Amino acid sequence: MTRFNAEKVLIIYSVIGALFLIYVAFIPSFTAVYAAVMVSILFGPCWATIYAGTLGYRG
């Protein structure tokens, strides 16, 4: 990622995803289904970013 700092992107996506998870856990309505989908959308790029960063590390 040349434009964005990968650590900042991971933190932002993770915090927003965690907020959606809290919503899913405590709000008993159908909108929680949409929030669960948003969790998947937000956490999806996190796995790829962590994986790519691990491959790039040759410590």
N, C-alpha and C. Protein backbone atom coordinates (compact mmCIF):
# COMPACT_ATOMS: atom_id res chain seq x y z
N MET A 1 0.85 -1.18 0.00
CA MET A 1 0.00 0.00 0.00
C MET A 1 0.89 1.24 0.00
N THR A 2 0.91 1.91 -1.08
CA THR A 2 1.78 3.07 -1.16
C THR A 2 1.06 4.36 -0.78
N ARG A 3 -0.21 4.45 -1.02
CA ARG A 3 -0.93 5.68 -0.72
C ARG A 3 -1.29 5.81 0.75
N PHE A 4 -1.66 4.70 1.36
CA PHE A 4 -2.15 4.73 2.73
C PHE A 4 -1.22 3.93 3.62
N ASN A 5 -1.15 4.34 4.86
CA ASN A 5 -0.40 3.58 5.85
C ASN A 5 -1.22 2.35 6.23
N ALA A 6 -0.68 1.17 6.05
CA ALA A 6 -1.42 -0.08 6.29
C ALA A 6 -1.88 -0.19 7.74
N GLU A 7 -1.06 0.24 8.67
CA GLU A 7 -1.43 0.14 10.08
C GLU A 7 -2.65 1.01 10.41
N LYS A 8 -2.69 2.21 9.84
CA LYS A 8 -3.82 3.09 10.09
C LYS A 8 -5.10 2.53 9.48
N VAL A 9 -5.00 1.96 8.30
CA VAL A 9 -6.16 1.36 7.65
C VAL A 9 -6.68 0.20 8.49
N LEU A 10 -5.78 -0.65 8.97
CA LEU A 10 -6.20 -1.78 9.80
C LEU A 10 -6.88 -1.31 11.08
N ILE A 11 -6.32 -0.30 11.72
CA ILE A 11 -6.91 0.20 12.96
C ILE A 11 -8.29 0.78 12.70
N ILE A 12 -8.42 1.59 11.67
CA ILE A 12 -9.71 2.22 11.38
C ILE A 12 -10.77 1.17 11.03
N TYR A 13 -10.43 0.24 10.14
CA TYR A 13 -11.38 -0.81 9.77
C TYR A 13 -11.74 -1.68 10.97
N SER A 14 -10.78 -1.98 11.81
CA SER A 14 -11.04 -2.83 12.98
C SER A 14 -11.93 -2.13 13.99
N VAL A 15 -11.70 -0.86 14.23
CA VAL A 15 -12.53 -0.13 15.19
C VAL A 15 -13.96 -0.02 14.68
N ILE A 16 -14.12 0.33 13.41
CA ILE A 16 -15.47 0.43 12.84
C ILE A 16 -16.14 -0.95 12.85
N GLY A 17 -15.40 -1.99 12.49
CA GLY A 17 -15.95 -3.35 12.52
C GLY A 17 -16.35 -3.78 13.92
N ALA A 18 -15.55 -3.41 14.91
CA ALA A 18 -15.89 -3.75 16.30
C ALA A 18 -17.16 -3.03 16.74
N LEU A 19 -17.33 -1.80 16.31
CA LEU A 19 -18.56 -1.07 16.64
C LEU A 19 -19.78 -1.75 16.02
N PHE A 20 -19.64 -2.21 14.78
CA PHE A 20 -20.73 -2.95 14.15
C PHE A 20 -21.00 -4.26 14.89
N LEU A 21 -19.95 -4.93 15.36
CA LEU A 21 -20.14 -6.17 16.12
C LEU A 21 -20.90 -5.91 17.42
N ILE A 22 -20.59 -4.82 18.08
CA ILE A 22 -21.32 -4.46 19.30
C ILE A 22 -22.79 -4.22 18.97
N TYR A 23 -23.04 -3.55 17.86
CA TYR A 23 -24.41 -3.32 17.41
C TYR A 23 -25.13 -4.64 17.18
N VAL A 24 -24.46 -5.57 16.49
CA VAL A 24 -25.07 -6.88 16.21
C VAL A 24 -25.38 -7.61 17.51
N ALA A 25 -24.50 -7.52 18.48
CA ALA A 25 -24.67 -8.26 19.73
C ALA A 25 -25.80 -7.71 20.60
N PHE A 26 -26.04 -6.42 20.54
CA PHE A 26 -26.96 -5.83 21.51
C PHE A 26 -28.24 -5.23 20.94
N ILE A 27 -28.38 -5.16 19.63
CA ILE A 27 -29.59 -4.59 19.03
C ILE A 27 -30.40 -5.71 18.38
N PRO A 28 -31.53 -6.07 18.98
CA PRO A 28 -32.33 -7.17 18.44
C PRO A 28 -33.31 -6.71 17.35
N SER A 29 -32.78 -6.39 16.20
CA SER A 29 -33.64 -6.02 15.08
C SER A 29 -33.02 -6.54 13.79
N PHE A 30 -33.78 -6.44 12.71
CA PHE A 30 -33.29 -6.94 11.43
C PHE A 30 -32.11 -6.14 10.91
N THR A 31 -31.96 -4.92 11.37
CA THR A 31 -30.82 -4.11 10.92
C THR A 31 -29.49 -4.72 11.37
N ALA A 32 -29.54 -5.57 12.37
CA ALA A 32 -28.32 -6.26 12.82
C ALA A 32 -27.78 -7.18 11.72
N VAL A 33 -28.66 -7.67 10.86
CA VAL A 33 -28.21 -8.51 9.74
C VAL A 33 -27.35 -7.68 8.79
N TYR A 34 -27.80 -6.47 8.51
CA TYR A 34 -27.00 -5.58 7.66
C TYR A 34 -25.68 -5.21 8.33
N ALA A 35 -25.72 -5.03 9.63
CA ALA A 35 -24.49 -4.72 10.36
C ALA A 35 -23.52 -5.89 10.31
N ALA A 36 -24.05 -7.12 10.37
CA ALA A 36 -23.18 -8.30 10.27
C ALA A 36 -22.51 -8.38 8.90
N VAL A 37 -23.23 -8.00 7.87
CA VAL A 37 -22.64 -7.97 6.53
C VAL A 37 -21.55 -6.90 6.48
N MET A 38 -21.78 -5.77 7.11
CA MET A 38 -20.76 -4.72 7.14
C MET A 38 -19.51 -5.18 7.88
N VAL A 39 -19.69 -6.00 8.91
CA VAL A 39 -18.53 -6.55 9.62
C VAL A 39 -17.67 -7.36 8.66
N SER A 40 -18.30 -8.19 7.86
CA SER A 40 -17.56 -8.99 6.88
C SER A 40 -16.85 -8.11 5.86
N ILE A 41 -17.53 -7.07 5.42
CA ILE A 41 -16.93 -6.16 4.44
C ILE A 41 -15.73 -5.44 5.04
N LEU A 42 -15.84 -5.03 6.29
CA LEU A 42 -14.75 -4.28 6.92
C LEU A 42 -13.58 -5.17 7.32
N PHE A 43 -13.86 -6.37 7.80
CA PHE A 43 -12.77 -7.24 8.25
C PHE A 43 -12.12 -7.99 7.10
N GLY A 44 -12.77 -8.09 5.95
CA GLY A 44 -12.18 -8.77 4.79
C GLY A 44 -10.85 -8.20 4.35
N PRO A 45 -10.76 -6.90 4.14
CA PRO A 45 -9.47 -6.32 3.74
C PRO A 45 -8.39 -6.45 4.81
N CYS A 46 -8.80 -6.56 6.06
CA CYS A 46 -7.81 -6.69 7.14
C CYS A 46 -7.00 -7.97 6.98
N TRP A 47 -7.65 -9.07 6.67
CA TRP A 47 -6.93 -10.34 6.53
C TRP A 47 -5.94 -10.28 5.38
N ALA A 48 -6.36 -9.71 4.27
CA ALA A 48 -5.45 -9.62 3.12
C ALA A 48 -4.27 -8.70 3.42
N THR A 49 -4.50 -7.62 4.13
CA THR A 49 -3.43 -6.69 4.46
C THR A 49 -2.43 -7.32 5.42
N ILE A 50 -2.92 -8.03 6.41
CA ILE A 50 -2.04 -8.71 7.36
C ILE A 50 -1.23 -9.79 6.64
N TYR A 51 -1.89 -10.54 5.77
CA TYR A 51 -1.21 -11.61 5.04
C TYR A 51 -0.12 -11.04 4.13
N ALA A 52 -0.44 -9.97 3.41
CA ALA A 52 0.55 -9.35 2.52
C ALA A 52 1.71 -8.77 3.30
N GLY A 53 1.42 -8.18 4.45
CA GLY A 53 2.49 -7.64 5.28
C GLY A 53 3.39 -8.72 5.83
N THR A 54 2.81 -9.87 6.16
CA THR A 54 3.61 -10.98 6.66
C THR A 54 4.50 -11.56 5.57
N LEU A 55 3.99 -11.63 4.36
CA LEU A 55 4.81 -12.13 3.25
C LEU A 55 5.97 -11.18 2.95
N GLY A 56 5.72 -9.89 3.14
CA GLY A 56 6.76 -8.91 2.86
C GLY A 56 7.83 -8.85 3.93
N TYR A 57 7.53 -9.35 5.12
CA TYR A 57 8.48 -9.32 6.23
C TYR A 57 9.45 -10.49 6.09
N ARG A 58 10.71 -10.21 6.07
CA ARG A 58 11.71 -11.27 5.92
C ARG A 58 12.74 -11.20 7.03
N GLY A 59 12.32 -10.69 8.19
CA GLY A 59 13.17 -10.45 9.34
C GLY A 59 14.12 -11.47 9.65
